[in-house]
């Protein structure tokens, strides 16, 4: 029998897009304060993108590099910086859509979705890395950092350019919102 967490894990890329797709095609109850909405939305979106680039440098998810348990960079602060980056990106896009009323729904939905995904991943990571992942899991929080150590952040490393290239297409997510703003 297939578990719900496995299905959600496998379909996470499609499932996360549901509120985004809605926010592209809905024009109902928009907040028309472009001088606030766009800068705020872009700031949150870009913050999520930079978090993904920073995490990608250490995780090497889409880079053709041997995978190992990642505990450096943002992974020294939280266990799921890529998903936090995704939530920021989705939140930024929701704000840019001018549908501020859907922002709490987007946040709740993304948090719930990624909580299920993480449950599935954690079982897999314990199987793959054993005791080293258990220790990491005890030491590093899932969502919010306990403390910041600026000496071990590893903001830039030799994978920065590759990470930038693989994360660059995320910028194309802004295109439908720009078109929506033009036609509205």
N, C-alpha and C. Protein backbone atom coordinates (compact mmCIF):
# COMPACT_ATOMS: atom_id res chain seq x y z
N UNK A 1 0.83 -1.19 0.00
CA UNK A 1 0.00 0.00 0.00
C UNK A 1 0.88 1.25 0.00
N UNK A 2 0.53 2.22 -0.81
CA UNK A 2 1.29 3.45 -0.93
C UNK A 2 0.82 4.42 0.15
N UNK A 3 1.77 4.99 0.88
CA UNK A 3 1.42 5.93 1.94
C UNK A 3 1.16 7.32 1.37
N UNK A 4 0.36 8.09 2.09
CA UNK A 4 0.05 9.46 1.66
C UNK A 4 1.31 10.32 1.63
N UNK A 5 2.24 10.09 2.58
CA UNK A 5 3.46 10.89 2.59
C UNK A 5 4.31 10.61 1.35
N UNK A 6 4.32 9.36 0.91
CA UNK A 6 5.08 9.03 -0.31
C UNK A 6 4.46 9.69 -1.54
N UNK A 7 3.14 9.66 -1.64
CA UNK A 7 2.45 10.28 -2.77
C UNK A 7 2.71 11.80 -2.76
N UNK A 8 2.58 12.42 -1.59
CA UNK A 8 2.82 13.85 -1.49
C UNK A 8 4.28 14.17 -1.83
N UNK A 9 5.21 13.33 -1.35
CA UNK A 9 6.62 13.53 -1.67
C UNK A 9 6.85 13.49 -3.18
N UNK A 10 6.30 12.49 -3.81
CA UNK A 10 6.50 12.34 -5.26
C UNK A 10 5.86 13.46 -6.08
N UNK A 11 4.73 13.99 -5.59
CA UNK A 11 4.00 15.02 -6.33
C UNK A 11 4.23 16.43 -5.78
N UNK A 12 5.23 16.60 -4.90
CA UNK A 12 5.43 17.88 -4.22
C UNK A 12 5.60 19.05 -5.17
N UNK A 13 6.28 18.85 -6.28
CA UNK A 13 6.49 19.94 -7.24
C UNK A 13 5.19 20.41 -7.88
N UNK A 14 4.29 19.48 -8.11
CA UNK A 14 2.98 19.83 -8.68
C UNK A 14 2.08 20.41 -7.60
N UNK A 15 2.06 19.75 -6.45
CA UNK A 15 1.17 20.18 -5.37
C UNK A 15 1.48 21.58 -4.86
N UNK A 16 2.76 21.93 -4.79
CA UNK A 16 3.13 23.25 -4.28
C UNK A 16 2.66 24.36 -5.22
N UNK A 17 2.41 24.02 -6.46
CA UNK A 17 2.03 25.04 -7.43
C UNK A 17 0.54 25.40 -7.40
N UNK A 18 -0.28 24.66 -6.67
CA UNK A 18 -1.73 24.91 -6.67
C UNK A 18 -2.07 26.34 -6.25
N UNK A 19 -1.58 26.83 -5.09
CA UNK A 19 -1.92 28.22 -4.75
C UNK A 19 -1.33 29.24 -5.73
N UNK A 20 -0.17 28.91 -6.28
CA UNK A 20 0.46 29.82 -7.25
C UNK A 20 -0.38 29.93 -8.50
N UNK A 21 -0.85 28.79 -9.01
CA UNK A 21 -1.68 28.81 -10.21
C UNK A 21 -2.97 29.59 -9.95
N UNK A 22 -3.57 29.35 -8.79
CA UNK A 22 -4.78 30.10 -8.44
C UNK A 22 -4.49 31.60 -8.43
N UNK A 23 -3.35 31.99 -7.84
CA UNK A 23 -3.04 33.42 -7.72
C UNK A 23 -2.74 34.07 -9.07
N UNK A 24 -2.36 33.27 -10.05
CA UNK A 24 -2.11 33.82 -11.39
C UNK A 24 -3.43 34.15 -12.08
N UNK A 25 -4.39 33.25 -11.94
CA UNK A 25 -5.62 33.38 -12.72
C UNK A 25 -6.78 34.07 -11.98
N UNK A 26 -6.60 34.37 -10.72
CA UNK A 26 -7.66 35.05 -9.98
C UNK A 26 -7.39 36.56 -9.95
N UNK A 27 -8.44 37.30 -10.19
CA UNK A 27 -8.36 38.76 -10.14
C UNK A 27 -9.30 39.30 -9.06
N UNK A 28 -9.88 38.40 -8.29
CA UNK A 28 -10.89 38.78 -7.31
C UNK A 28 -10.26 39.30 -6.02
N UNK A 29 -10.72 40.43 -5.57
CA UNK A 29 -10.29 41.04 -4.31
C UNK A 29 -8.79 41.37 -4.27
N UNK A 30 -8.28 41.88 -5.37
CA UNK A 30 -6.87 42.28 -5.42
C UNK A 30 -6.65 43.55 -4.60
N UNK A 31 -5.48 43.64 -4.01
CA UNK A 31 -5.06 44.84 -3.29
C UNK A 31 -4.20 45.66 -4.25
N UNK A 32 -4.71 46.77 -4.69
CA UNK A 32 -4.03 47.60 -5.70
C UNK A 32 -3.12 48.65 -5.05
N UNK A 33 -2.10 48.22 -4.40
CA UNK A 33 -1.12 49.13 -3.81
C UNK A 33 0.26 48.71 -4.31
N UNK A 34 0.47 48.92 -5.61
CA UNK A 34 1.68 48.44 -6.29
C UNK A 34 2.99 48.92 -5.67
N UNK A 35 3.01 50.12 -5.12
CA UNK A 35 4.25 50.66 -4.54
C UNK A 35 4.65 49.92 -3.27
N UNK A 36 3.73 49.20 -2.67
CA UNK A 36 4.03 48.39 -1.48
C UNK A 36 4.10 46.91 -1.86
N UNK A 37 3.10 46.46 -2.61
CA UNK A 37 2.96 45.04 -2.94
C UNK A 37 4.17 44.50 -3.70
N UNK A 38 4.55 45.15 -4.79
CA UNK A 38 5.63 44.63 -5.63
C UNK A 38 6.98 44.61 -4.91
N UNK A 39 7.41 45.70 -4.27
CA UNK A 39 8.70 45.64 -3.56
C UNK A 39 8.71 44.58 -2.44
N UNK A 40 7.63 44.51 -1.67
CA UNK A 40 7.56 43.52 -0.59
C UNK A 40 7.57 42.10 -1.16
N UNK A 41 6.72 41.86 -2.16
CA UNK A 41 6.66 40.53 -2.78
C UNK A 41 7.99 40.12 -3.41
N UNK A 42 8.61 41.06 -4.12
CA UNK A 42 9.91 40.77 -4.74
C UNK A 42 10.99 40.51 -3.69
N UNK A 43 10.98 41.26 -2.60
CA UNK A 43 11.95 41.04 -1.53
C UNK A 43 11.81 39.63 -0.96
N UNK A 44 10.60 39.22 -0.67
CA UNK A 44 10.37 37.88 -0.11
C UNK A 44 10.72 36.81 -1.14
N UNK A 45 10.31 37.01 -2.39
CA UNK A 45 10.63 36.07 -3.47
C UNK A 45 12.14 35.91 -3.63
N UNK A 46 12.86 37.03 -3.74
CA UNK A 46 14.32 37.00 -3.92
C UNK A 46 15.01 36.40 -2.70
N UNK A 47 14.48 36.66 -1.51
CA UNK A 47 15.04 36.04 -0.30
C UNK A 47 14.95 34.52 -0.38
N UNK A 48 13.80 34.03 -0.83
CA UNK A 48 13.63 32.59 -1.01
C UNK A 48 14.56 32.02 -2.07
N UNK A 49 14.72 32.76 -3.16
CA UNK A 49 15.63 32.33 -4.23
C UNK A 49 17.07 32.28 -3.73
N UNK A 50 17.50 33.32 -3.01
CA UNK A 50 18.87 33.31 -2.48
C UNK A 50 19.08 32.20 -1.46
N UNK A 51 18.07 31.93 -0.66
CA UNK A 51 18.18 30.81 0.29
C UNK A 51 18.34 29.50 -0.46
N UNK A 52 17.60 29.32 -1.55
CA UNK A 52 17.75 28.11 -2.37
C UNK A 52 19.15 28.02 -3.00
N UNK A 53 19.66 29.13 -3.50
CA UNK A 53 21.00 29.14 -4.10
C UNK A 53 22.04 28.79 -3.04
N UNK A 54 21.92 29.40 -1.88
CA UNK A 54 22.84 29.11 -0.78
C UNK A 54 22.76 27.64 -0.38
N UNK A 55 21.56 27.12 -0.25
CA UNK A 55 21.39 25.71 0.12
C UNK A 55 21.91 24.79 -0.98
N UNK A 56 21.65 25.14 -2.22
CA UNK A 56 22.08 24.32 -3.35
C UNK A 56 23.61 24.16 -3.38
N UNK A 57 24.33 25.21 -3.00
CA UNK A 57 25.79 25.14 -2.96
C UNK A 57 26.28 24.03 -2.03
N UNK A 58 25.51 23.75 -1.01
CA UNK A 58 25.91 22.75 -0.02
C UNK A 58 25.25 21.40 -0.27
N UNK A 59 24.01 21.42 -0.75
CA UNK A 59 23.27 20.18 -0.97
C UNK A 59 23.66 19.48 -2.27
N UNK A 60 23.89 20.27 -3.32
CA UNK A 60 24.23 19.76 -4.65
C UNK A 60 23.11 18.93 -5.26
N UNK A 61 21.85 19.28 -4.96
CA UNK A 61 20.71 18.48 -5.40
C UNK A 61 20.65 18.30 -6.92
N UNK A 62 20.71 19.37 -7.65
CA UNK A 62 20.64 19.26 -9.12
C UNK A 62 22.00 19.32 -9.78
N UNK A 63 23.04 19.35 -8.98
CA UNK A 63 24.39 19.35 -9.52
C UNK A 63 24.84 17.90 -9.64
N UNK A 64 25.57 17.59 -10.63
CA UNK A 64 26.02 16.21 -10.86
C UNK A 64 27.20 15.88 -9.95
N UNK A 65 26.94 15.89 -8.65
CA UNK A 65 27.98 15.66 -7.65
C UNK A 65 27.49 14.60 -6.68
N UNK A 66 28.39 13.77 -6.21
CA UNK A 66 28.04 12.71 -5.25
C UNK A 66 27.36 13.30 -4.03
N UNK A 67 26.24 12.72 -3.65
CA UNK A 67 25.48 13.21 -2.51
C UNK A 67 26.03 12.63 -1.20
N UNK A 68 26.00 13.49 -0.18
CA UNK A 68 26.37 13.06 1.16
C UNK A 68 25.45 13.78 2.14
N UNK A 69 25.47 13.41 3.39
CA UNK A 69 24.66 14.10 4.38
C UNK A 69 25.16 15.54 4.48
N UNK A 70 24.30 16.47 4.19
CA UNK A 70 24.67 17.89 4.17
C UNK A 70 24.38 18.52 5.52
N UNK A 71 25.43 19.04 6.15
CA UNK A 71 25.30 19.66 7.47
C UNK A 71 25.98 21.03 7.51
N UNK A 72 26.34 21.56 6.36
CA UNK A 72 27.05 22.84 6.28
C UNK A 72 26.13 23.93 5.74
N UNK A 73 26.63 25.16 5.76
CA UNK A 73 25.85 26.28 5.23
C UNK A 73 24.53 26.42 5.96
N UNK A 74 23.44 26.63 5.22
CA UNK A 74 22.15 26.79 5.89
C UNK A 74 21.70 25.52 6.60
N UNK A 75 22.26 24.37 6.19
CA UNK A 75 21.92 23.10 6.83
C UNK A 75 22.52 22.98 8.23
N UNK A 76 23.41 23.91 8.58
CA UNK A 76 23.90 23.94 9.96
C UNK A 76 22.93 24.70 10.86
N UNK A 77 21.99 25.42 10.26
CA UNK A 77 21.01 26.21 11.00
C UNK A 77 19.65 25.54 11.08
N UNK A 78 19.19 25.00 9.94
CA UNK A 78 17.90 24.31 9.84
C UNK A 78 18.05 23.11 8.91
N UNK A 79 17.19 22.12 9.09
CA UNK A 79 17.29 20.91 8.28
C UNK A 79 16.66 21.05 6.90
N UNK A 80 15.83 22.06 6.68
CA UNK A 80 15.07 22.15 5.43
C UNK A 80 15.11 23.53 4.78
N UNK A 81 16.30 24.06 4.53
CA UNK A 81 16.36 25.41 3.94
C UNK A 81 15.77 25.50 2.53
N UNK A 82 15.82 24.43 1.76
CA UNK A 82 15.25 24.46 0.40
C UNK A 82 13.74 24.65 0.50
N UNK A 83 13.10 23.95 1.41
CA UNK A 83 11.65 24.08 1.56
C UNK A 83 11.27 25.43 2.14
N UNK A 84 12.09 25.95 3.04
CA UNK A 84 11.84 27.29 3.57
C UNK A 84 11.97 28.30 2.42
N UNK A 85 12.97 28.11 1.57
CA UNK A 85 13.12 28.96 0.39
C UNK A 85 11.90 28.87 -0.51
N UNK A 86 11.39 27.66 -0.72
CA UNK A 86 10.19 27.48 -1.55
C UNK A 86 8.99 28.20 -0.95
N UNK A 87 8.84 28.11 0.37
CA UNK A 87 7.72 28.78 1.03
C UNK A 87 7.85 30.30 0.87
N UNK A 88 9.07 30.81 0.99
CA UNK A 88 9.28 32.25 0.76
C UNK A 88 8.95 32.63 -0.68
N UNK A 89 9.38 31.81 -1.62
CA UNK A 89 9.09 32.08 -3.04
C UNK A 89 7.59 32.10 -3.28
N UNK A 90 6.90 31.10 -2.80
CA UNK A 90 5.43 31.04 -2.98
C UNK A 90 4.75 32.21 -2.29
N UNK A 91 5.22 32.58 -1.12
CA UNK A 91 4.64 33.72 -0.40
C UNK A 91 4.88 35.02 -1.16
N UNK A 92 6.09 35.20 -1.67
CA UNK A 92 6.40 36.38 -2.46
C UNK A 92 5.53 36.47 -3.70
N UNK A 93 5.34 35.34 -4.37
CA UNK A 93 4.49 35.34 -5.56
C UNK A 93 3.04 35.64 -5.21
N UNK A 94 2.59 35.12 -4.08
CA UNK A 94 1.22 35.39 -3.65
C UNK A 94 1.03 36.88 -3.37
N UNK A 95 2.01 37.49 -2.75
CA UNK A 95 1.93 38.94 -2.49
C UNK A 95 1.94 39.70 -3.81
N UNK A 96 2.83 39.33 -4.72
CA UNK A 96 2.92 39.99 -6.03
C UNK A 96 1.60 39.85 -6.79
N UNK A 97 0.89 38.75 -6.57
CA UNK A 97 -0.39 38.55 -7.26
C UNK A 97 -1.46 39.54 -6.80
N UNK A 98 -1.17 40.26 -5.73
CA UNK A 98 -2.07 41.24 -5.13
C UNK A 98 -3.26 40.60 -4.43
N UNK A 99 -3.19 39.29 -4.21
CA UNK A 99 -4.25 38.56 -3.51
C UNK A 99 -3.80 38.31 -2.06
N UNK A 100 -3.72 39.37 -1.30
CA UNK A 100 -3.21 39.26 0.07
C UNK A 100 -4.08 38.36 0.94
N UNK A 101 -5.34 38.25 0.62
CA UNK A 101 -6.24 37.41 1.40
C UNK A 101 -5.88 35.92 1.30
N UNK A 102 -5.18 35.54 0.23
CA UNK A 102 -4.81 34.14 0.07
C UNK A 102 -3.45 33.82 0.71
N UNK A 103 -2.71 34.83 1.16
CA UNK A 103 -1.39 34.60 1.75
C UNK A 103 -1.44 33.64 2.95
N UNK A 104 -2.33 33.81 3.91
CA UNK A 104 -2.37 32.84 5.02
C UNK A 104 -2.69 31.42 4.54
N UNK A 105 -3.53 31.31 3.53
CA UNK A 105 -3.87 29.99 2.97
C UNK A 105 -2.63 29.39 2.33
N UNK A 106 -1.90 30.19 1.56
CA UNK A 106 -0.67 29.73 0.91
C UNK A 106 0.35 29.26 1.94
N UNK A 107 0.54 30.05 2.99
CA UNK A 107 1.49 29.68 4.05
C UNK A 107 1.08 28.38 4.74
N UNK A 108 -0.16 28.29 5.14
CA UNK A 108 -0.67 27.09 5.81
C UNK A 108 -0.56 25.87 4.90
N UNK A 109 -0.97 26.03 3.65
CA UNK A 109 -0.92 24.94 2.68
C UNK A 109 0.52 24.46 2.46
N UNK A 110 1.44 25.40 2.22
CA UNK A 110 2.84 25.02 1.98
C UNK A 110 3.46 24.37 3.20
N UNK A 111 3.21 24.94 4.36
CA UNK A 111 3.75 24.36 5.59
C UNK A 111 3.23 22.94 5.79
N UNK A 112 1.93 22.73 5.58
CA UNK A 112 1.35 21.39 5.70
C UNK A 112 1.92 20.42 4.68
N UNK A 113 2.01 20.86 3.44
CA UNK A 113 2.55 20.03 2.36
C UNK A 113 3.99 19.62 2.67
N UNK A 114 4.83 20.60 3.00
CA UNK A 114 6.23 20.28 3.25
C UNK A 114 6.42 19.50 4.55
N UNK A 115 5.52 19.63 5.51
CA UNK A 115 5.60 18.81 6.72
C UNK A 115 5.42 17.33 6.37
N UNK A 116 4.49 17.04 5.46
CA UNK A 116 4.31 15.65 5.00
C UNK A 116 5.52 15.17 4.22
N UNK A 117 6.04 16.01 3.35
CA UNK A 117 7.21 15.66 2.55
C UNK A 117 8.40 15.36 3.47
N UNK A 118 8.59 16.19 4.47
CA UNK A 118 9.71 16.03 5.39
C UNK A 118 9.59 14.74 6.18
N UNK A 119 8.38 14.40 6.58
CA UNK A 119 8.18 13.11 7.29
C UNK A 119 8.69 11.94 6.44
N UNK A 120 8.33 11.98 5.16
CA UNK A 120 8.77 10.91 4.26
C UNK A 120 10.29 10.94 4.11
N UNK A 121 10.85 12.12 3.88
CA UNK A 121 12.29 12.24 3.68
C UNK A 121 13.09 11.80 4.90
N UNK A 122 12.61 12.15 6.08
CA UNK A 122 13.36 11.82 7.28
C UNK A 122 13.50 10.31 7.47
N UNK A 123 12.47 9.56 7.15
CA UNK A 123 12.55 8.10 7.22
C UNK A 123 13.63 7.60 6.24
N UNK A 124 13.62 8.14 5.04
CA UNK A 124 14.61 7.76 4.03
C UNK A 124 16.03 8.13 4.47
N UNK A 125 16.19 9.33 5.05
CA UNK A 125 17.52 9.78 5.46
C UNK A 125 18.05 8.96 6.64
N UNK A 126 17.19 8.54 7.52
CA UNK A 126 17.63 7.66 8.62
C UNK A 126 18.09 6.32 8.06
N UNK A 127 17.35 5.80 7.08
CA UNK A 127 17.75 4.54 6.44
C UNK A 127 19.09 4.70 5.73
N UNK A 128 19.29 5.83 5.07
CA UNK A 128 20.49 6.04 4.27
C UNK A 128 21.72 6.39 5.11
N UNK A 129 21.55 7.28 6.11
CA UNK A 129 22.70 7.78 6.86
C UNK A 129 22.76 7.30 8.31
N UNK A 130 21.71 6.64 8.77
CA UNK A 130 21.72 6.03 10.10
C UNK A 130 21.96 7.00 11.24
N UNK A 131 22.89 6.62 12.11
CA UNK A 131 23.15 7.35 13.34
C UNK A 131 23.61 8.78 13.09
N UNK A 132 24.36 9.02 12.02
CA UNK A 132 24.82 10.39 11.75
C UNK A 132 23.63 11.31 11.48
N UNK A 133 22.59 10.82 10.79
CA UNK A 133 21.41 11.66 10.57
C UNK A 133 20.61 11.83 11.87
N UNK A 134 20.53 10.79 12.66
CA UNK A 134 19.82 10.89 13.95
C UNK A 134 20.46 11.99 14.82
N UNK A 135 21.78 12.01 14.88
CA UNK A 135 22.48 13.03 15.67
C UNK A 135 22.24 14.42 15.09
N UNK A 136 22.32 14.53 13.78
CA UNK A 136 22.07 15.80 13.10
C UNK A 136 20.64 16.27 13.40
N UNK A 137 19.69 15.35 13.33
CA UNK A 137 18.28 15.67 13.56
C UNK A 137 18.05 16.17 14.99
N UNK A 138 18.77 15.62 15.95
CA UNK A 138 18.65 16.05 17.34
C UNK A 138 19.25 17.45 17.56
N UNK A 139 20.30 17.74 16.81
CA UNK A 139 21.05 18.98 17.01
C UNK A 139 20.48 20.16 16.24
N UNK A 140 19.96 19.93 15.03
CA UNK A 140 19.54 21.02 14.14
C UNK A 140 18.01 21.01 14.00
N UNK A 141 17.36 22.15 14.25
CA UNK A 141 15.90 22.21 14.16
C UNK A 141 15.39 22.08 12.72
N UNK A 142 14.15 21.68 12.60
CA UNK A 142 13.53 21.47 11.29
C UNK A 142 13.26 22.79 10.56
N UNK A 143 12.68 23.78 11.23
CA UNK A 143 12.21 24.98 10.56
C UNK A 143 12.91 26.26 10.96
N UNK A 144 13.06 26.51 12.25
CA UNK A 144 13.60 27.80 12.72
C UNK A 144 14.93 27.60 13.42
N UNK A 145 15.94 28.38 13.03
CA UNK A 145 17.26 28.22 13.67
C UNK A 145 17.23 28.62 15.14
N UNK A 146 18.02 27.90 15.93
CA UNK A 146 18.14 28.22 17.35
C UNK A 146 19.13 29.33 17.57
N UNK A 147 20.21 29.32 16.77
CA UNK A 147 21.25 30.32 16.91
C UNK A 147 21.95 30.51 15.57
N UNK A 148 22.56 31.66 15.41
CA UNK A 148 23.32 31.94 14.19
C UNK A 148 24.80 31.98 14.54
N UNK A 149 25.59 31.27 13.75
CA UNK A 149 27.04 31.30 13.90
C UNK A 149 27.62 31.83 12.59
N UNK A 150 27.90 33.12 12.51
CA UNK A 150 28.32 33.72 11.23
C UNK A 150 29.62 33.16 10.68
N UNK A 151 30.40 32.45 11.47
CA UNK A 151 31.67 31.91 10.98
C UNK A 151 31.49 30.67 10.11
N UNK A 152 30.41 29.93 10.30
CA UNK A 152 30.23 28.66 9.59
C UNK A 152 29.11 28.69 8.55
N UNK A 153 28.75 29.85 8.07
CA UNK A 153 27.61 29.93 7.17
C UNK A 153 27.91 29.50 5.74
N UNK A 154 29.15 29.61 5.30
CA UNK A 154 29.50 29.16 3.95
C UNK A 154 28.61 29.77 2.88
N UNK A 155 28.51 31.10 2.87
CA UNK A 155 27.61 31.78 1.93
C UNK A 155 28.02 31.56 0.48
N UNK A 156 29.31 31.49 0.22
CA UNK A 156 29.81 31.24 -1.13
C UNK A 156 30.84 30.12 -1.09
N UNK A 157 30.72 29.22 -2.04
CA UNK A 157 31.75 28.19 -2.19
C UNK A 157 31.96 27.89 -3.67
N UNK A 158 32.73 26.87 -3.98
CA UNK A 158 33.07 26.59 -5.38
C UNK A 158 31.87 26.19 -6.23
N UNK A 159 30.73 25.92 -5.61
CA UNK A 159 29.54 25.52 -6.35
C UNK A 159 28.57 26.68 -6.58
N UNK A 160 28.98 27.90 -6.24
CA UNK A 160 28.07 29.04 -6.35
C UNK A 160 27.56 29.22 -7.78
N UNK A 161 28.45 29.25 -8.75
CA UNK A 161 28.04 29.50 -10.14
C UNK A 161 27.11 28.40 -10.65
N UNK A 162 27.45 27.15 -10.36
CA UNK A 162 26.59 26.04 -10.77
C UNK A 162 25.22 26.15 -10.09
N UNK A 163 25.21 26.51 -8.82
CA UNK A 163 23.96 26.64 -8.08
C UNK A 163 23.12 27.78 -8.64
N UNK A 164 23.78 28.85 -9.00
CA UNK A 164 23.09 29.99 -9.60
C UNK A 164 22.41 29.57 -10.91
N UNK A 165 23.12 28.81 -11.72
CA UNK A 165 22.59 28.37 -13.01
C UNK A 165 21.38 27.46 -12.82
N UNK A 166 21.45 26.49 -11.90
CA UNK A 166 20.34 25.55 -11.74
C UNK A 166 19.13 26.18 -11.06
N UNK A 167 19.33 27.24 -10.30
CA UNK A 167 18.21 27.91 -9.63
C UNK A 167 17.67 29.10 -10.44
N UNK A 168 18.41 29.56 -11.44
CA UNK A 168 18.01 30.71 -12.25
C UNK A 168 16.60 30.59 -12.84
N UNK A 169 16.19 29.43 -13.34
CA UNK A 169 14.84 29.33 -13.93
C UNK A 169 13.70 29.70 -12.99
N UNK A 170 13.94 29.73 -11.69
CA UNK A 170 12.89 30.14 -10.75
C UNK A 170 12.43 31.57 -11.05
N UNK A 171 13.33 32.38 -11.59
CA UNK A 171 12.95 33.75 -11.94
C UNK A 171 11.81 33.80 -12.96
N UNK A 172 11.69 32.76 -13.77
CA UNK A 172 10.62 32.71 -14.77
C UNK A 172 9.23 32.61 -14.12
N UNK A 173 9.19 32.25 -12.84
CA UNK A 173 7.91 32.22 -12.13
C UNK A 173 7.30 33.62 -12.03
N UNK A 174 8.12 34.64 -12.14
CA UNK A 174 7.62 36.01 -12.08
C UNK A 174 6.88 36.42 -13.35
N UNK A 175 7.19 35.78 -14.45
CA UNK A 175 6.63 36.18 -15.75
C UNK A 175 5.10 36.22 -15.78
N UNK A 176 4.39 35.18 -15.33
CA UNK A 176 2.92 35.27 -15.36
C UNK A 176 2.37 36.44 -14.55
N UNK A 177 3.04 36.79 -13.46
CA UNK A 177 2.57 37.90 -12.62
C UNK A 177 2.80 39.25 -13.30
N UNK A 178 3.90 39.34 -14.02
CA UNK A 178 4.17 40.55 -14.78
C UNK A 178 3.12 40.70 -15.87
N UNK A 179 2.81 39.61 -16.54
CA UNK A 179 1.77 39.62 -17.59
C UNK A 179 0.42 39.95 -16.96
N UNK A 180 0.12 39.35 -15.81
CA UNK A 180 -1.14 39.62 -15.13
C UNK A 180 -1.24 41.11 -14.79
N UNK A 181 -0.17 41.69 -14.33
CA UNK A 181 -0.16 43.12 -13.96
C UNK A 181 -0.38 43.99 -15.20
N UNK A 182 0.19 43.60 -16.32
CA UNK A 182 0.05 44.37 -17.55
C UNK A 182 -1.40 44.33 -18.06
N UNK A 183 -2.02 43.15 -18.02
CA UNK A 183 -3.37 43.03 -18.58
C UNK A 183 -4.46 43.49 -17.61
N UNK A 184 -4.10 43.62 -16.34
CA UNK A 184 -5.12 44.01 -15.34
C UNK A 184 -5.32 45.49 -15.33
